[in-house]
Amino acid sequence: MDSSWNGLADLISNLITKYASVLDVDNLPNPTLATSNNISSDNFDIAKIQIEIKKEKCNNNLEMYVQTNKE
């Protein structure tokens, strides 16, 4: 490894050592794989609706700003 990266490697190892007990790394749940079984299209539909609502609110705010600041 390049000697210029030694400082970063030392910092990361010190942080892991310092916070391993706080993070309780040994008791983390097992990761699950993302498959089509545990991802439903409903989640994407909900997210899409939320994005559209935020866009609409933003556009409304912009229109109100333009109307109140006309010269």
N, C-alpha and C. Protein backbone atom coordinates (compact mmCIF):
# COMPACT_ATOMS: atom_id res chain seq x y z
N MET A 1 0.85 -1.17 0.00
CA MET A 1 0.00 0.00 0.00
C MET A 1 0.89 1.23 0.00
N ASP A 2 0.42 2.26 -0.67
CA ASP A 2 1.16 3.51 -0.77
C ASP A 2 1.26 4.16 0.61
N SER A 3 2.41 4.68 0.95
CA SER A 3 2.62 5.25 2.29
C SER A 3 1.77 6.48 2.53
N SER A 4 1.28 7.14 1.47
CA SER A 4 0.44 8.33 1.67
C SER A 4 -0.94 7.96 2.23
N TRP A 5 -1.33 6.70 2.12
CA TRP A 5 -2.62 6.25 2.64
C TRP A 5 -2.54 5.71 4.06
N ASN A 6 -1.36 5.61 4.62
CA ASN A 6 -1.19 5.05 5.96
C ASN A 6 -1.95 5.84 7.02
N GLY A 7 -1.94 7.15 6.91
CA GLY A 7 -2.64 7.98 7.89
C GLY A 7 -4.13 7.73 7.88
N LEU A 8 -4.70 7.62 6.69
CA LEU A 8 -6.14 7.35 6.58
C LEU A 8 -6.46 5.96 7.13
N ALA A 9 -5.64 4.99 6.81
CA ALA A 9 -5.86 3.63 7.31
C ALA A 9 -5.79 3.60 8.83
N ASP A 10 -4.84 4.32 9.41
CA ASP A 10 -4.73 4.39 10.87
C ASP A 10 -5.96 5.06 11.48
N LEU A 11 -6.42 6.14 10.86
CA LEU A 11 -7.60 6.84 11.37
C LEU A 11 -8.82 5.93 11.36
N ILE A 12 -9.04 5.24 10.25
CA ILE A 12 -10.19 4.35 10.15
C ILE A 12 -10.11 3.22 11.16
N SER A 13 -8.94 2.63 11.32
CA SER A 13 -8.81 1.53 12.28
C SER A 13 -9.03 2.04 13.71
N ASN A 14 -8.55 3.23 14.01
CA ASN A 14 -8.77 3.80 15.36
C ASN A 14 -10.24 4.09 15.60
N LEU A 15 -10.94 4.60 14.59
CA LEU A 15 -12.37 4.88 14.74
C LEU A 15 -13.16 3.60 14.94
N ILE A 16 -12.82 2.57 14.18
CA ILE A 16 -13.51 1.29 14.34
C ILE A 16 -13.28 0.73 15.73
N THR A 17 -12.03 0.78 16.18
CA THR A 17 -11.71 0.28 17.51
C THR A 17 -12.44 1.07 18.59
N LYS A 18 -12.48 2.37 18.44
CA LYS A 18 -13.09 3.23 19.46
C LYS A 18 -14.61 3.05 19.53
N TYR A 19 -15.27 2.93 18.38
CA TYR A 19 -16.73 2.94 18.36
C TYR A 19 -17.36 1.57 18.15
N ALA A 20 -16.58 0.51 18.08
CA ALA A 20 -17.14 -0.83 17.86
C ALA A 20 -18.08 -1.22 19.00
N SER A 21 -17.70 -0.92 20.22
CA SER A 21 -18.55 -1.30 21.36
C SER A 21 -19.82 -0.45 21.41
N VAL A 22 -19.73 0.81 21.01
CA VAL A 22 -20.90 1.69 21.01
C VAL A 22 -21.88 1.26 19.93
N LEU A 23 -21.36 0.88 18.77
CA LEU A 23 -22.23 0.49 17.66
C LEU A 23 -22.78 -0.92 17.81
N ASP A 24 -22.20 -1.69 18.72
CA ASP A 24 -22.63 -3.06 18.98
C ASP A 24 -22.65 -3.86 17.68
N VAL A 25 -21.52 -3.83 16.98
CA VAL A 25 -21.39 -4.45 15.66
C VAL A 25 -21.64 -5.95 15.71
N ASP A 26 -21.31 -6.60 16.79
CA ASP A 26 -21.48 -8.05 16.88
C ASP A 26 -22.94 -8.47 16.88
N ASN A 27 -23.85 -7.58 17.27
CA ASN A 27 -25.26 -7.95 17.37
C ASN A 27 -26.12 -7.34 16.27
N LEU A 28 -25.54 -6.98 15.16
CA LEU A 28 -26.32 -6.47 14.04
C LEU A 28 -27.12 -7.61 13.43
N PRO A 29 -28.33 -7.30 12.90
CA PRO A 29 -29.11 -8.37 12.26
C PRO A 29 -28.45 -8.80 10.96
N ASN A 30 -28.76 -10.01 10.54
CA ASN A 30 -28.23 -10.51 9.28
C ASN A 30 -28.83 -9.72 8.13
N PRO A 31 -28.03 -9.36 7.16
CA PRO A 31 -28.58 -8.61 6.02
C PRO A 31 -29.48 -9.50 5.17
N THR A 32 -30.47 -8.89 4.57
CA THR A 32 -31.35 -9.63 3.67
C THR A 32 -31.12 -9.14 2.25
N LEU A 33 -31.22 -10.04 1.33
CA LEU A 33 -31.03 -9.68 -0.07
C LEU A 33 -32.29 -9.03 -0.62
N ALA A 34 -32.09 -8.04 -1.46
CA ALA A 34 -33.23 -7.39 -2.11
C ALA A 34 -33.68 -8.25 -3.28
N THR A 35 -34.84 -8.84 -3.14
CA THR A 35 -35.39 -9.66 -4.21
C THR A 35 -36.74 -9.09 -4.60
N SER A 36 -37.28 -9.60 -5.64
CA SER A 36 -38.59 -9.12 -6.09
C SER A 36 -39.67 -9.48 -5.09
N ASN A 37 -39.40 -10.44 -4.21
CA ASN A 37 -40.40 -10.85 -3.22
C ASN A 37 -40.59 -9.81 -2.12
N ASN A 38 -39.52 -9.14 -1.73
CA ASN A 38 -39.65 -8.20 -0.62
C ASN A 38 -39.65 -6.74 -1.07
N ILE A 39 -39.73 -6.50 -2.38
CA ILE A 39 -39.88 -5.15 -2.90
C ILE A 39 -41.15 -5.13 -3.72
N SER A 40 -42.13 -4.37 -3.26
CA SER A 40 -43.38 -4.34 -4.01
C SER A 40 -43.46 -3.06 -4.82
N SER A 41 -44.25 -3.12 -5.85
CA SER A 41 -44.41 -1.94 -6.69
C SER A 41 -45.17 -0.85 -5.94
N ASP A 42 -45.89 -1.21 -4.88
CA ASP A 42 -46.61 -0.21 -4.08
C ASP A 42 -45.65 0.81 -3.49
N ASN A 43 -44.48 0.35 -3.05
CA ASN A 43 -43.50 1.26 -2.48
C ASN A 43 -43.07 2.31 -3.50
N PHE A 44 -42.87 1.88 -4.73
CA PHE A 44 -42.46 2.81 -5.77
C PHE A 44 -43.61 3.76 -6.14
N ASP A 45 -44.83 3.25 -6.12
CA ASP A 45 -45.98 4.09 -6.42
C ASP A 45 -46.15 5.17 -5.36
N ILE A 46 -45.99 4.80 -4.11
CA ILE A 46 -46.10 5.77 -3.02
C ILE A 46 -45.03 6.84 -3.15
N ALA A 47 -43.80 6.42 -3.44
CA ALA A 47 -42.71 7.38 -3.59
C ALA A 47 -42.98 8.31 -4.76
N LYS A 48 -43.48 7.77 -5.85
CA LYS A 48 -43.77 8.59 -7.03
C LYS A 48 -44.84 9.63 -6.70
N ILE A 49 -45.87 9.24 -5.98
CA ILE A 49 -46.94 10.16 -5.59
C ILE A 49 -46.38 11.26 -4.70
N GLN A 50 -45.53 10.88 -3.74
CA GLN A 50 -44.95 11.88 -2.84
C GLN A 50 -44.09 12.88 -3.61
N ILE A 51 -43.34 12.41 -4.58
CA ILE A 51 -42.51 13.30 -5.39
C ILE A 51 -43.40 14.26 -6.20
N GLU A 52 -44.47 13.74 -6.77
CA GLU A 52 -45.38 14.58 -7.55
C GLU A 52 -46.02 15.65 -6.67
N ILE A 53 -46.41 15.29 -5.46
CA ILE A 53 -47.01 16.26 -4.54
C ILE A 53 -46.01 17.37 -4.21
N LYS A 54 -44.76 16.99 -3.95
CA LYS A 54 -43.74 17.99 -3.64
C LYS A 54 -43.47 18.90 -4.83
N LYS A 55 -43.45 18.33 -6.03
CA LYS A 55 -43.26 19.15 -7.23
C LYS A 55 -44.39 20.15 -7.38
N GLU A 56 -45.62 19.69 -7.15
CA GLU A 56 -46.78 20.56 -7.28
C GLU A 56 -46.72 21.70 -6.27
N LYS A 57 -46.36 21.39 -5.03
CA LYS A 57 -46.23 22.44 -4.01
C LYS A 57 -45.14 23.43 -4.38
N CYS A 58 -44.04 22.93 -4.90
CA CYS A 58 -42.94 23.79 -5.31
C CYS A 58 -43.37 24.71 -6.44
N ASN A 59 -44.08 24.16 -7.43
CA ASN A 59 -44.55 24.96 -8.54
C ASN A 59 -45.55 26.02 -8.07
N ASN A 60 -46.42 25.64 -7.13
CA ASN A 60 -47.38 26.61 -6.60
C ASN A 60 -46.67 27.74 -5.87
N ASN A 61 -45.66 27.40 -5.10
CA ASN A 61 -44.91 28.43 -4.38
C ASN A 61 -44.18 29.35 -5.36
N LEU A 62 -43.65 28.79 -6.42
CA LEU A 62 -42.95 29.58 -7.42
C LEU A 62 -43.93 30.52 -8.12
N GLU A 63 -45.12 30.03 -8.46
CA GLU A 63 -46.12 30.87 -9.10
C GLU A 63 -46.54 32.01 -8.18
N MET A 64 -46.73 31.71 -6.90
CA MET A 64 -47.11 32.75 -5.94
C MET A 64 -46.00 33.78 -5.82
N TYR A 65 -44.75 33.35 -5.82
CA TYR A 65 -43.62 34.26 -5.72
C TYR A 65 -43.57 35.19 -6.93
N VAL A 66 -43.76 34.62 -8.12
CA VAL A 66 -43.70 35.41 -9.34
C VAL A 66 -44.84 36.42 -9.36
N GLN A 67 -46.02 36.00 -8.94
CA GLN A 67 -47.17 36.91 -8.95
C GLN A 67 -46.99 38.06 -7.97
N THR A 68 -46.40 37.81 -6.83
CA THR A 68 -46.25 38.87 -5.82
C THR A 68 -45.05 39.77 -6.12
N ASN A 69 -44.13 39.33 -6.96
CA ASN A 69 -42.93 40.13 -7.25
C ASN A 69 -42.92 40.69 -8.67
N LYS A 70 -44.09 40.78 -9.28
CA LYS A 70 -44.13 41.38 -10.62
C LYS A 70 -43.84 42.86 -10.52
N GLU A 71 -43.14 43.35 -11.51
CA GLU A 71 -42.79 44.78 -11.50
C GLU A 71 -43.83 45.60 -12.25
